[in-house]
Amino acid sequence: MEKNNNNDQTPEMGKLQIHAEGRIYTTVLTEKFKNREVWKAPDPTEIRSIIPGSVIDVMAKEGDKVEKGTPLIEYEAMKMHNIITAPMAGTISRIFVKTGDKLPKGHLMIKLEI
């Protein structure tokens, strides 16, 4: 950090004052920070893979009405078989995976309509 001489009017700088009578320091934002992907709240109607793995079985079909807790997909990750269940009641509007697919973290598997 560098000492601010109060002549800098750059809006992309953050100012930090340690205490009321202390020095004011300016923080310059990096290009990496400026170009970062901004976090957005996850869509609860999108069921995504939370870790890389493989689809063992798809137990639901598009158009199925499901209740909270209904098994949808059997998913293998880290040598463990996991049953992915519906997080809420709704209708399956789209299935984006099929048996045997290898998925990265964050891949959209199912879209629900509530």
PDB file of N, CA and C in Angstrom:
ATOM      1  N   MET A   1       0.840  -1.175   0.000  1.00  0.00           N
ATOM      2  CA  MET A   1       0.000   0.000   0.000  1.00  0.00           C
ATOM      3  C   MET A   1       0.880   1.231   0.000  1.00  0.00           C
ATOM      4  N   GLU A   2       0.355   2.283  -0.577  1.00  0.00           N
ATOM      5  CA  GLU A   2       1.119   3.513  -0.634  1.00  0.00           C
ATOM      6  C   GLU A   2       0.354   4.621   0.091  1.00  0.00           C
ATOM      7  N   LYS A   3       1.091   5.612   0.562  1.00  0.00           N
ATOM      8  CA  LYS A   3       0.466   6.712   1.273  1.00  0.00           C
ATOM      9  C   LYS A   3      -0.277   7.581   0.277  1.00  0.00           C
ATOM     10  N   ASN A   4      -1.497   7.980   0.631  1.00  0.00           N
ATOM     11  CA  ASN A   4      -2.318   8.818  -0.235  1.00  0.00           C
ATOM     12  C   ASN A   4      -1.994  10.283   0.023  1.00  0.00           C
ATOM     13  N   ASN A   5      -1.798  11.048  -1.049  1.00  0.00           N
ATOM     14  CA  ASN A   5      -1.532  12.469  -0.881  1.00  0.00           C
ATOM     15  C   ASN A   5      -2.788  13.302  -1.109  1.00  0.00           C
ATOM     16  N   ASN A   6      -3.960  12.662  -1.139  1.00  0.00           N
ATOM     17  CA  ASN A   6      -5.277  13.282  -1.291  1.00  0.00           C
ATOM     18  C   ASN A   6      -5.478  13.984  -2.626  1.00  0.00           C
ATOM     19  N   ASN A   7      -4.555  13.856  -3.588  1.00  0.00           N
ATOM     20  CA  ASN A   7      -4.735  14.425  -4.923  1.00  0.00           C
ATOM     21  C   ASN A   7      -5.281  13.393  -5.894  1.00  0.00           C
ATOM     22  N   ASP A   8      -5.309  12.131  -5.494  1.00  0.00           N
ATOM     23  CA  ASP A   8      -5.730  11.040  -6.377  1.00  0.00           C
ATOM     24  C   ASP A   8      -7.251  10.929  -6.356  1.00  0.00           C
ATOM     25  N   GLN A   9      -7.883  11.084  -7.499  1.00  0.00           N
ATOM     26  CA  GLN A   9      -9.332  11.015  -7.602  1.00  0.00           C
ATOM     27  C   GLN A   9      -9.792   9.735  -8.301  1.00  0.00           C
ATOM     28  N   THR A  10      -8.931   8.742  -8.424  1.00  0.00           N
ATOM     29  CA  THR A  10      -9.261   7.498  -9.107  1.00  0.00           C
ATOM     30  C   THR A  10     -10.371   6.778  -8.347  1.00  0.00           C
ATOM     31  N   PRO A  11     -11.541   6.508  -9.001  1.00  0.00           N
ATOM     32  CA  PRO A  11     -12.651   5.875  -8.306  1.00  0.00           C
ATOM     33  C   PRO A  11     -12.429   4.397  -8.012  1.00  0.00           C
ATOM     34  N   GLU A  12     -11.431   3.765  -8.643  1.00  0.00           N
ATOM     35  CA  GLU A  12     -11.219   2.338  -8.446  1.00  0.00           C
ATOM     36  C   GLU A  12     -10.233   2.053  -7.324  1.00  0.00           C
ATOM     37  N   MET A  13     -10.081   2.969  -6.428  1.00  0.00           N
ATOM     38  CA  MET A  13      -9.158   2.771  -5.327  1.00  0.00           C
ATOM     39  C   MET A  13      -9.947   2.776  -4.027  1.00  0.00           C
ATOM     40  N   GLY A  14      -9.546   1.925  -3.111  1.00  0.00           N
ATOM     41  CA  GLY A  14     -10.160   1.891  -1.803  1.00  0.00           C
ATOM     42  C   GLY A  14      -9.269   2.613  -0.813  1.00  0.00           C
ATOM     43  N   LYS A  15      -9.877   3.285   0.120  1.00  0.00           N
ATOM     44  CA  LYS A  15      -9.099   4.015   1.117  1.00  0.00           C
ATOM     45  C   LYS A  15      -9.320   3.377   2.481  1.00  0.00           C
ATOM     46  N   LEU A  16      -8.271   3.303   3.253  1.00  0.00           N
ATOM     47  CA  LEU A  16      -8.323   2.683   4.569  1.00  0.00           C
ATOM     48  C   LEU A  16      -7.651   3.619   5.562  1.00  0.00           C
ATOM     49  N   GLN A  17      -8.374   3.985   6.593  1.00  0.00           N
ATOM     50  CA  GLN A  17      -7.790   4.814   7.647  1.00  0.00           C
ATOM     51  C   GLN A  17      -7.804   3.977   8.913  1.00  0.00           C
ATOM     52  N   ILE A  18      -6.635   3.803   9.518  1.00  0.00           N
ATOM     53  CA  ILE A  18      -6.485   2.925  10.670  1.00  0.00           C
ATOM     54  C   ILE A  18      -7.166   3.501  11.905  1.00  0.00           C
ATOM     55  N   HIS A  19      -6.999   4.759  12.196  1.00  0.00           N
ATOM     56  CA  HIS A  19      -7.715   5.413  13.295  1.00  0.00           C
ATOM     57  C   HIS A  19      -7.891   6.881  12.949  1.00  0.00           C
ATOM     58  N   ALA A  20      -8.668   7.597  13.740  1.00  0.00           N
ATOM     59  CA  ALA A  20      -9.089   8.960  13.401  1.00  0.00           C
ATOM     60  C   ALA A  20      -7.932   9.899  13.089  1.00  0.00           C
ATOM     61  N   GLU A  21      -6.822   9.770  13.770  1.00  0.00           N
ATOM     62  CA  GLU A  21      -5.709  10.681  13.552  1.00  0.00           C
ATOM     63  C   GLU A  21      -4.564  10.024  12.781  1.00  0.00           C
ATOM     64  N   GLY A  22      -4.824   8.845  12.252  1.00  0.00           N
ATOM     65  CA  GLY A  22      -3.779   8.096  11.562  1.00  0.00           C
ATOM     66  C   GLY A  22      -3.683   8.422  10.090  1.00  0.00           C
ATOM     67  N   ARG A  23      -2.757   7.767   9.426  1.00  0.00           N
ATOM     68  CA  ARG A  23      -2.550   7.954   7.995  1.00  0.00           C
ATOM     69  C   ARG A  23      -3.661   7.292   7.199  1.00  0.00           C
ATOM     70  N   ILE A  24      -3.894   7.788   6.016  1.00  0.00           N
ATOM     71  CA  ILE A  24      -4.844   7.173   5.092  1.00  0.00           C
ATOM     72  C   ILE A  24      -4.023   6.491   4.001  1.00  0.00           C
ATOM     73  N   TYR A  25      -4.296   5.214   3.764  1.00  0.00           N
ATOM     74  CA  TYR A  25      -3.612   4.441   2.740  1.00  0.00           C
ATOM     75  C   TYR A  25      -4.580   4.147   1.606  1.00  0.00           C
ATOM     76  N   THR A  26      -4.070   4.023   0.418  1.00  0.00           N
ATOM     77  CA  THR A  26      -4.878   3.723  -0.753  1.00  0.00           C
ATOM     78  C   THR A  26      -4.520   2.329  -1.262  1.00  0.00           C
ATOM     79  N   THR A  27      -5.541   1.553  -1.564  1.00  0.00           N
ATOM     80  CA  THR A  27      -5.344   0.229  -2.127  1.00  0.00           C
ATOM     81  C   THR A  27      -5.734   0.277  -3.597  1.00  0.00           C
ATOM     82  N   VAL A  28      -4.855  -0.172  -4.460  1.00  0.00           N
ATOM     83  CA  VAL A  28      -5.128  -0.195  -5.896  1.00  0.00           C
ATOM     84  C   VAL A  28      -5.648  -1.584  -6.257  1.00  0.00           C
ATOM     85  N   LEU A  29      -6.781  -1.634  -6.966  1.00  0.00           N
ATOM     86  CA  LEU A  29      -7.367  -2.910  -7.355  1.00  0.00           C
ATOM     87  C   LEU A  29      -6.590  -3.502  -8.523  1.00  0.00           C
ATOM     88  N   THR A  30      -6.330  -4.813  -8.461  1.00  0.00           N
ATOM     89  CA  THR A  30      -5.590  -5.494  -9.523  1.00  0.00           C
ATOM     90  C   THR A  30      -6.512  -5.810 -10.697  1.00  0.00           C
ATOM     91  N   GLU A  31      -5.925  -6.079 -11.855  1.00  0.00           N
ATOM     92  CA  GLU A  31      -6.706  -6.471 -13.035  1.00  0.00           C
ATOM     93  C   GLU A  31      -7.469  -7.769 -12.756  1.00  0.00           C
ATOM     94  N   LYS A  32      -6.827  -8.687 -12.046  1.00  0.00           N
ATOM     95  CA  LYS A  32      -7.478  -9.957 -11.713  1.00  0.00           C
ATOM     96  C   LYS A  32      -8.750  -9.697 -10.911  1.00  0.00           C
ATOM     97  N   PHE A  33      -8.673  -8.776  -9.953  1.00  0.00           N
ATOM     98  CA  PHE A  33      -9.839  -8.447  -9.136  1.00  0.00           C
ATOM     99  C   PHE A  33     -10.912  -7.765  -9.981  1.00  0.00           C
ATOM    100  N   LYS A  34     -10.516  -6.845 -10.837  1.00  0.00           N
ATOM    101  CA  LYS A  34     -11.482  -6.126 -11.664  1.00  0.00           C
ATOM    102  C   LYS A  34     -12.199  -7.056 -12.638  1.00  0.00           C
ATOM    103  N   ASN A  35     -11.511  -8.094 -13.127  1.00  0.00           N
ATOM    104  CA  ASN A  35     -12.078  -9.010 -14.121  1.00  0.00           C
ATOM    105  C   ASN A  35     -12.653 -10.279 -13.519  1.00  0.00           C
ATOM    106  N   ARG A  36     -12.778 -10.331 -12.208  1.00  0.00           N
ATOM    107  CA  ARG A  36     -13.273 -11.541 -11.545  1.00  0.00           C
ATOM    108  C   ARG A  36     -14.733 -11.797 -11.905  1.00  0.00           C
ATOM    109  N   GLU A  37     -15.140 -13.054 -11.769  1.00  0.00           N
ATOM    110  CA  GLU A  37     -16.542 -13.403 -11.959  1.00  0.00           C
ATOM    111  C   GLU A  37     -17.265 -13.061 -10.663  1.00  0.00           C
ATOM    112  N   VAL A  38     -18.226 -12.194 -10.758  1.00  0.00           N
ATOM    113  CA  VAL A  38     -18.941 -11.734  -9.577  1.00  0.00           C
ATOM    114  C   VAL A  38     -19.853 -12.844  -9.081  1.00  0.00           C
ATOM    115  N   TRP A  39     -19.852 -13.072  -7.761  1.00  0.00           N
ATOM    116  CA  TRP A  39     -20.667 -14.118  -7.164  1.00  0.00           C
ATOM    117  C   TRP A  39     -22.136 -13.774  -7.308  1.00  0.00           C
ATOM    118  N   LYS A  40     -22.937 -14.774  -7.631  1.00  0.00           N
ATOM    119  CA  LYS A  40     -24.380 -14.585  -7.631  1.00  0.00           C
ATOM    120  C   LYS A  40     -24.997 -15.751  -6.871  1.00  0.00           C
ATOM    121  N   ALA A  41     -26.106 -15.481  -6.250  1.00  0.00           N
ATOM    122  CA  ALA A  41     -26.783 -16.504  -5.457  1.00  0.00           C
ATOM    123  C   ALA A  41     -27.174 -17.673  -6.361  1.00  0.00           C
ATOM    124  N   PRO A  42     -26.982 -18.911  -5.876  1.00  0.00           N
ATOM    125  CA  PRO A  42     -27.359 -20.068  -6.696  1.00  0.00           C
ATOM    126  C   PRO A  42     -28.870 -20.121  -6.908  1.00  0.00           C
ATOM    127  N   ASP A  43     -29.268 -20.629  -8.060  1.00  0.00           N
ATOM    128  CA  ASP A  43     -30.689 -20.800  -8.385  1.00  0.00           C
ATOM    129  C   ASP A  43     -31.155 -22.113  -7.747  1.00  0.00           C
ATOM    130  N   PRO A  44     -32.102 -22.063  -6.814  1.00  0.00           N
ATOM    131  CA  PRO A  44     -32.533 -23.296  -6.142  1.00  0.00           C
ATOM    132  C   PRO A  44     -33.228 -24.290  -7.062  1.00  0.00           C
ATOM    133  N   THR A  45     -33.618 -23.858  -8.264  1.00  0.00           N
ATOM    134  CA  THR A  45     -34.278 -24.783  -9.196  1.00  0.00           C
ATOM    135  C   THR A  45     -33.279 -25.509 -10.085  1.00  0.00           C
ATOM    136  N   GLU A  46     -31.994 -25.178  -9.956  1.00  0.00           N
ATOM    137  CA  GLU A  46     -30.951 -25.850 -10.734  1.00  0.00           C
ATOM    138  C   GLU A  46     -30.207 -26.831  -9.840  1.00  0.00           C
ATOM    139  N   ILE A  47     -30.176 -28.087 -10.245  1.00  0.00           N
ATOM    140  CA  ILE A  47     -29.449 -29.108  -9.492  1.00  0.00           C
ATOM    141  C   ILE A  47     -28.128 -29.330 -10.210  1.00  0.00           C
ATOM    142  N   ARG A  48     -27.034 -29.016  -9.517  1.00  0.00           N
ATOM    143  CA  ARG A  48     -25.697 -29.074 -10.109  1.00  0.00           C
ATOM    144  C   ARG A  48     -24.836 -30.090  -9.365  1.00  0.00           C
ATOM    145  N   SER A  49     -23.811 -30.586 -10.059  1.00  0.00           N
ATOM    146  CA  SER A  49     -22.848 -31.480  -9.406  1.00  0.00           C
ATOM    147  C   SER A  49     -22.000 -30.638  -8.455  1.00  0.00           C
ATOM    148  N   ILE A  50     -21.781 -31.142  -7.250  1.00  0.00           N
ATOM    149  CA  ILE A  50     -20.993 -30.365  -6.294  1.00  0.00           C
ATOM    150  C   ILE A  50     -19.518 -30.733  -6.327  1.00  0.00           C
ATOM    151  N   ILE A  51     -19.199 -31.922  -6.867  1.00  0.00           N
ATOM    152  CA  ILE A  51     -17.809 -32.327  -7.090  1.00  0.00           C
ATOM    153  C   ILE A  51     -17.764 -33.128  -8.387  1.00  0.00           C
ATOM    154  N   PRO A  52     -16.594 -33.266  -9.008  1.00  0.00           N
ATOM    155  CA  PRO A  52     -16.510 -34.061 -10.231  1.00  0.00           C
ATOM    156  C   PRO A  52     -16.942 -35.510  -9.978  1.00  0.00           C
ATOM    157  N   GLY A  53     -17.596 -36.107 -10.944  1.00  0.00           N
ATOM    158  CA  GLY A  53     -18.028 -37.490 -10.783  1.00  0.00           C
ATOM    159  C   GLY A  53     -18.707 -38.006 -12.035  1.00  0.00           C
ATOM    160  N   SER A  54     -19.351 -39.167 -11.897  1.00  0.00           N
ATOM    161  CA  SER A  54     -20.002 -39.836 -13.030  1.00  0.00           C
ATOM    162  C   SER A  54     -21.457 -40.127 -12.701  1.00  0.00           C
ATOM    163  N   VAL A  55     -22.303 -40.029 -13.708  1.00  0.00           N
ATOM    164  CA  VAL A  55     -23.722 -40.350 -13.550  1.00  0.00           C
ATOM    165  C   VAL A  55     -23.865 -41.860 -13.685  1.00  0.00           C
ATOM    166  N   ILE A  56     -24.381 -42.505 -12.657  1.00  0.00           N
ATOM    167  CA  ILE A  56     -24.599 -43.958 -12.660  1.00  0.00           C
ATOM    168  C   ILE A  56     -25.992 -44.276 -13.202  1.00  0.00           C
ATOM    169  N   ASP A  57     -26.994 -43.488 -12.781  1.00  0.00           N
ATOM    170  CA  ASP A  57     -28.370 -43.743 -13.207  1.00  0.00           C
ATOM    171  C   ASP A  57     -29.178 -42.456 -13.110  1.00  0.00           C
ATOM    172  N   VAL A  58     -30.026 -42.229 -14.104  1.00  0.00           N
ATOM    173  CA  VAL A  58     -30.978 -41.118 -14.055  1.00  0.00           C
ATOM    174  C   VAL A  58     -32.330 -41.741 -13.762  1.00  0.00           C
ATOM    175  N   MET A  59     -32.897 -41.424 -12.601  1.00  0.00           N
ATOM    176  CA  MET A  59     -34.120 -42.070 -12.129  1.00  0.00           C
ATOM    177  C   MET A  59     -35.384 -41.282 -12.460  1.00  0.00           C
ATOM    178  N   ALA A  60     -35.245 -40.108 -13.044  1.00  0.00           N
ATOM    179  CA  ALA A  60     -36.399 -39.264 -13.342  1.00  0.00           C
ATOM    180  C   ALA A  60     -36.452 -38.995 -14.838  1.00  0.00           C
ATOM    181  N   LYS A  61     -37.604 -38.515 -15.295  1.00  0.00           N
ATOM    182  CA  LYS A  61     -37.784 -38.150 -16.696  1.00  0.00           C
ATOM    183  C   LYS A  61     -38.300 -36.722 -16.763  1.00  0.00           C
ATOM    184  N   GLU A  62     -38.047 -36.086 -17.892  1.00  0.00           N
ATOM    185  CA  GLU A  62     -38.588 -34.739 -18.079  1.00  0.00           C
ATOM    186  C   GLU A  62     -40.108 -34.797 -18.002  1.00  0.00           C
ATOM    187  N   GLY A  63     -40.681 -33.833 -17.295  1.00  0.00           N
ATOM    188  CA  GLY A  63     -42.130 -33.781 -17.124  1.00  0.00           C
ATOM    189  C   GLY A  63     -42.617 -34.442 -15.848  1.00  0.00           C
ATOM    190  N   ASP A  64     -41.761 -35.222 -15.169  1.00  0.00           N
ATOM    191  CA  ASP A  64     -42.157 -35.859 -13.910  1.00  0.00           C
ATOM    192  C   ASP A  64     -42.432 -34.808 -12.848  1.00  0.00           C
ATOM    193  N   LYS A  65     -43.510 -35.021 -12.097  1.00  0.00           N
ATOM    194  CA  LYS A  65     -43.780 -34.191 -10.924  1.00  0.00           C
ATOM    195  C   LYS A  65     -43.110 -34.882  -9.746  1.00  0.00           C
ATOM    196  N   VAL A  66     -42.303 -34.129  -8.992  1.00  0.00           N
ATOM    197  CA  VAL A  66     -41.552 -34.722  -7.883  1.00  0.00           C
ATOM    198  C   VAL A  66     -41.834 -33.963  -6.590  1.00  0.00           C
ATOM    199  N   GLU A  67     -41.706 -34.671  -5.500  1.00  0.00           N
ATOM    200  CA  GLU A  67     -41.824 -34.084  -4.167  1.00  0.00           C
ATOM    201  C   GLU A  67     -40.419 -33.882  -3.603  1.00  0.00           C
ATOM    202  N   LYS A  68     -40.304 -33.058  -2.596  1.00  0.00           N
ATOM    203  CA  LYS A  68     -39.011 -32.867  -1.931  1.00  0.00           C
ATOM    204  C   LYS A  68     -38.518 -34.227  -1.436  1.00  0.00           C
ATOM    205  N   GLY A  69     -37.262 -34.551  -1.748  1.00  0.00           N
ATOM    206  CA  GLY A  69     -36.668 -35.815  -1.313  1.00  0.00           C
ATOM    207  C   GLY A  69     -36.786 -36.950  -2.323  1.00  0.00           C
ATOM    208  N   THR A  70     -37.471 -36.733  -3.443  1.00  0.00           N
ATOM    209  CA  THR A  70     -37.593 -37.768  -4.473  1.00  0.00           C
ATOM    210  C   THR A  70     -36.227 -38.028  -5.105  1.00  0.00           C
ATOM    211  N   PRO A  71     -35.767 -39.303  -5.178  1.00  0.00           N
ATOM    212  CA  PRO A  71     -34.483 -39.602  -5.823  1.00  0.00           C
ATOM    213  C   PRO A  71     -34.521 -39.259  -7.309  1.00  0.00           C
ATOM    214  N   LEU A  72     -33.489 -38.553  -7.782  1.00  0.00           N
ATOM    215  CA  LEU A  72     -33.436 -38.125  -9.178  1.00  0.00           C
ATOM    216  C   LEU A  72     -32.282 -38.749  -9.949  1.00  0.00           C
ATOM    217  N   ILE A  73     -31.095 -38.743  -9.320  1.00  0.00           N
ATOM    218  CA  ILE A  73     -29.889 -39.219  -9.999  1.00  0.00           C
ATOM    219  C   ILE A  73     -29.026 -39.980  -9.006  1.00  0.00           C
ATOM    220  N   GLU A  74     -28.432 -41.084  -9.485  1.00  0.00           N
ATOM    221  CA  GLU A  74     -27.383 -41.751  -8.711  1.00  0.00           C
ATOM    222  C   GLU A  74     -26.065 -41.279  -9.311  1.00  0.00           C
ATOM    223  N   TYR A  75     -25.210 -40.756  -8.461  1.00  0.00           N
ATOM    224  CA  TYR A  75     -24.001 -40.054  -8.892  1.00  0.00           C
ATOM    225  C   TYR A  75     -22.807 -40.611  -8.129  1.00  0.00           C
ATOM    226  N   GLU A  76     -21.763 -41.023  -8.850  1.00  0.00           N
ATOM    227  CA  GLU A  76     -20.562 -41.548  -8.202  1.00  0.00           C
ATOM    228  C   GLU A  76     -19.491 -40.458  -8.163  1.00  0.00           C
ATOM    229  N   ALA A  77     -19.006 -40.194  -6.966  1.00  0.00           N
ATOM    230  CA  ALA A  77     -17.935 -39.221  -6.780  1.00  0.00           C
ATOM    231  C   ALA A  77     -17.043 -39.726  -5.658  1.00  0.00           C
ATOM    232  N   MET A  78     -15.743 -39.697  -5.891  1.00  0.00           N
ATOM    233  CA  MET A  78     -14.756 -40.150  -4.910  1.00  0.00           C
ATOM    234  C   MET A  78     -15.041 -41.586  -4.448  1.00  0.00           C
ATOM    235  N   LYS A  79     -15.414 -42.440  -5.407  1.00  0.00           N
ATOM    236  CA  LYS A  79     -15.679 -43.868  -5.180  1.00  0.00           C
ATOM    237  C   LYS A  79     -16.882 -44.118  -4.274  1.00  0.00           C
ATOM    238  N   MET A  80     -17.739 -43.113  -4.134  1.00  0.00           N
ATOM    239  CA  MET A  80     -18.950 -43.271  -3.334  1.00  0.00           C
ATOM    240  C   MET A  80     -20.159 -43.005  -4.219  1.00  0.00           C
ATOM    241  N   HIS A  81     -21.202 -43.828  -4.054  1.00  0.00           N
ATOM    242  CA  HIS A  81     -22.433 -43.623  -4.797  1.00  0.00           C
ATOM    243  C   HIS A  81     -23.340 -42.730  -3.959  1.00  0.00           C
ATOM    244  N   ASN A  82     -23.812 -41.655  -4.572  1.00  0.00           N
ATOM    245  CA  ASN A  82     -24.680 -40.693  -3.894  1.00  0.00           C
ATOM    246  C   ASN A  82     -26.003 -40.612  -4.639  1.00  0.00           C
ATOM    247  N   ILE A  83     -27.075 -40.507  -3.894  1.00  0.00           N
ATOM    248  CA  ILE A  83     -28.391 -40.315  -4.499  1.00  0.00           C
ATOM    249  C   ILE A  83     -28.704 -38.822  -4.401  1.00  0.00           C
ATOM    250  N   ILE A  84     -28.880 -38.190  -5.546  1.00  0.00           N
ATOM    251  CA  ILE A  84     -29.247 -36.775  -5.596  1.00  0.00           C
ATOM    252  C   ILE A  84     -30.764 -36.716  -5.548  1.00  0.00           C
ATOM    253  N   THR A  85     -31.306 -35.987  -4.576  1.00  0.00           N
ATOM    254  CA  THR A  85     -32.753 -35.913  -4.404  1.00  0.00           C
ATOM    255  C   THR A  85     -33.265 -34.510  -4.730  1.00  0.00           C
ATOM    256  N   ALA A  86     -34.558 -34.418  -4.969  1.00  0.00           N
ATOM    257  CA  ALA A  86     -35.186 -33.133  -5.270  1.00  0.00           C
ATOM    258  C   ALA A  86     -35.129 -32.239  -4.030  1.00  0.00           C
ATOM    259  N   PRO A  87     -34.624 -31.024  -4.158  1.00  0.00           N
ATOM    260  CA  PRO A  87     -34.538 -30.130  -3.010  1.00  0.00           C
ATOM    261  C   PRO A  87     -35.879 -29.502  -2.644  1.00  0.00           C
ATOM    262  N   MET A  88     -36.862 -29.605  -3.557  1.00  0.00           N
ATOM    263  CA  MET A  88     -38.196 -29.038  -3.337  1.00  0.00           C
ATOM    264  C   MET A  88     -39.171 -29.727  -4.280  1.00  0.00           C
ATOM    265  N   ALA A  89     -40.445 -29.537  -4.037  1.00  0.00           N
ATOM    266  CA  ALA A  89     -41.461 -30.094  -4.929  1.00  0.00           C
ATOM    267  C   ALA A  89     -41.492 -29.281  -6.219  1.00  0.00           C
ATOM    268  N   GLY A  90     -41.751 -29.966  -7.332  1.00  0.00           N
ATOM    269  CA  GLY A  90     -41.831 -29.276  -8.613  1.00  0.00           C
ATOM    270  C   GLY A  90     -41.934 -30.257  -9.763  1.00  0.00           C
ATOM    271  N   THR A  91     -41.728 -29.746 -10.960  1.00  0.00           N
ATOM    272  CA  THR A  91     -41.763 -30.557 -12.174  1.00  0.00           C
ATOM    273  C   THR A  91     -40.395 -30.491 -12.839  1.00  0.00           C
ATOM    274  N   ILE A  92     -39.919 -31.619 -13.310  1.00  0.00           N
ATOM    275  CA  ILE A  92     -38.620 -31.649 -13.983  1.00  0.00           C
ATOM    276  C   ILE A  92     -38.817 -31.072 -15.391  1.00  0.00           C
ATOM    277  N   SER A  93     -38.233 -29.899 -15.612  1.00  0.00           N
ATOM    278  CA  SER A  93     -38.409 -29.258 -16.921  1.00  0.00           C
ATOM    279  C   SER A  93     -37.349 -29.712 -17.922  1.00  0.00           C
ATOM    280  N   ARG A  94     -36.146 -30.032 -17.425  1.00  0.00           N
ATOM    281  CA  ARG A  94     -35.078 -30.445 -18.354  1.00  0.00           C
ATOM    282  C   ARG A  94     -34.042 -31.277 -17.613  1.00  0.00           C
ATOM    283  N   ILE A  95     -33.566 -32.337 -18.257  1.00  0.00           N
ATOM    284  CA  ILE A  95     -32.471 -33.157 -17.741  1.00  0.00           C
ATOM    285  C   ILE A  95     -31.298 -32.973 -18.694  1.00  0.00           C
ATOM    286  N   PHE A  96     -30.155 -32.584 -18.151  1.00  0.00           N
ATOM    287  CA  PHE A  96     -28.985 -32.250 -18.966  1.00  0.00           C
ATOM    288  C   PHE A  96     -27.923 -33.354 -18.989  1.00  0.00           C
ATOM    289  N   VAL A  97     -28.169 -34.487 -18.318  1.00  0.00           N
ATOM    290  CA  VAL A  97     -27.176 -35.563 -18.244  1.00  0.00           C
ATOM    291  C   VAL A  97     -27.821 -36.892 -18.629  1.00  0.00           C
ATOM    292  N   LYS A  98     -26.953 -37.856 -18.907  1.00  0.00           N
ATOM    293  CA  LYS A  98     -27.430 -39.219 -19.159  1.00  0.00           C
ATOM    294  C   LYS A  98     -26.475 -40.192 -18.458  1.00  0.00           C
ATOM    295  N   THR A  99     -26.904 -41.415 -18.296  1.00  0.00           N
ATOM    296  CA  THR A  99     -26.089 -42.439 -17.651  1.00  0.00           C
ATOM    297  C   THR A  99     -24.725 -42.540 -18.329  1.00  0.00           C
ATOM    298  N   GLY A 100     -23.677 -42.549 -17.529  1.00  0.00           N
ATOM    299  CA  GLY A 100     -22.321 -42.673 -18.036  1.00  0.00           C
ATOM    300  C   GLY A 100     -21.588 -41.358 -18.202  1.00  0.00           C
ATOM    301  N   ASP A 101     -22.301 -40.239 -18.145  1.00  0.00           N
ATOM    302  CA  ASP A 101     -21.640 -38.932 -18.289  1.00  0.00           C
ATOM    303  C   ASP A 101     -20.658 -38.683 -17.156  1.00  0.00           C
ATOM    304  N   LYS A 102     -19.499 -38.149 -17.498  1.00  0.00           N
ATOM    305  CA  LYS A 102     -18.514 -37.711 -16.507  1.00  0.00           C
ATOM    306  C   LYS A 102     -18.644 -36.197 -16.411  1.00  0.00           C
ATOM    307  N   LEU A 103     -18.861 -35.708 -15.197  1.00  0.00           N
ATOM    308  CA  LEU A 103     -19.192 -34.298 -15.012  1.00  0.00           C
ATOM    309  C   LEU A 103     -18.140 -33.560 -14.185  1.00  0.00           C
ATOM    310  N   PRO A 104     -17.881 -32.313 -14.545  1.00  0.00           N
ATOM    311  CA  PRO A 104     -17.018 -31.477 -13.712  1.00  0.00           C
ATOM    312  C   PRO A 104     -17.843 -30.871 -12.573  1.00  0.00           C
ATOM    313  N   LYS A 105     -17.170 -30.270 -11.631  1.00  0.00           N
ATOM    314  CA  LYS A 105     -17.849 -29.572 -10.540  1.00  0.00           C
ATOM    315  C   LYS A 105     -18.703 -28.446 -11.117  1.00  0.00           C
ATOM    316  N   GLY A 106     -19.920 -28.312 -10.615  1.00  0.00           N
ATOM    317  CA  GLY A 106     -20.790 -27.225 -11.011  1.00  0.00           C
ATOM    318  C   GLY A 106     -21.609 -27.453 -12.269  1.00  0.00           C
ATOM    319  N   HIS A 107     -21.539 -28.647 -12.843  1.00  0.00           N
ATOM    320  CA  HIS A 107     -22.284 -28.934 -14.081  1.00  0.00           C
ATOM    321  C   HIS A 107     -23.783 -29.008 -13.776  1.00  0.00           C
ATOM    322  N   LEU A 108     -24.600 -28.360 -14.605  1.00  0.00           N
ATOM    323  CA  LEU A 108     -26.051 -28.396 -14.455  1.00  0.00           C
ATOM    324  C   LEU A 108     -26.559 -29.779 -14.859  1.00  0.00           C
ATOM    325  N   MET A 109     -27.238 -30.455 -13.912  1.00  0.00           N
ATOM    326  CA  MET A 109     -27.760 -31.796 -14.177  1.00  0.00           C
ATOM    327  C   MET A 109     -29.256 -31.764 -14.477  1.00  0.00           C
ATOM    328  N   ILE A 110     -30.011 -31.050 -13.640  1.00  0.00           N
ATOM    329  CA  ILE A 110     -31.483 -31.026 -13.777  1.00  0.00           C
ATOM    330  C   ILE A 110     -31.976 -29.615 -13.478  1.00  0.00           C
ATOM    331  N   LYS A 111     -32.998 -29.210 -14.223  1.00  0.00           N
ATOM    332  CA  LYS A 111     -33.680 -27.937 -13.986  1.00  0.00           C
ATOM    333  C   LYS A 111     -35.112 -28.254 -13.566  1.00  0.00           C
ATOM    334  N   LEU A 112     -35.515 -27.701 -12.417  1.00  0.00           N
ATOM    335  CA  LEU A 112     -36.874 -27.878 -11.906  1.00  0.00           C
ATOM    336  C   LEU A 112     -37.708 -26.648 -12.199  1.00  0.00           C
ATOM    337  N   GLU A 113     -39.003 -26.879 -12.317  1.00  0.00           N
ATOM    338  CA  GLU A 113     -39.969 -25.788 -12.408  1.00  0.00           C
ATOM    339  C   GLU A 113     -40.830 -25.865 -11.162  1.00  0.00           C
ATOM    340  N   ILE A 114     -40.958 -24.755 -10.468  1.00  0.00           N
ATOM    341  CA  ILE A 114     -41.776 -24.790  -9.241  1.00  0.00           C
ATOM    342  C   ILE A 114     -43.058 -23.997  -9.410  1.00  0.00           C
TER     343      ILE A 114
END
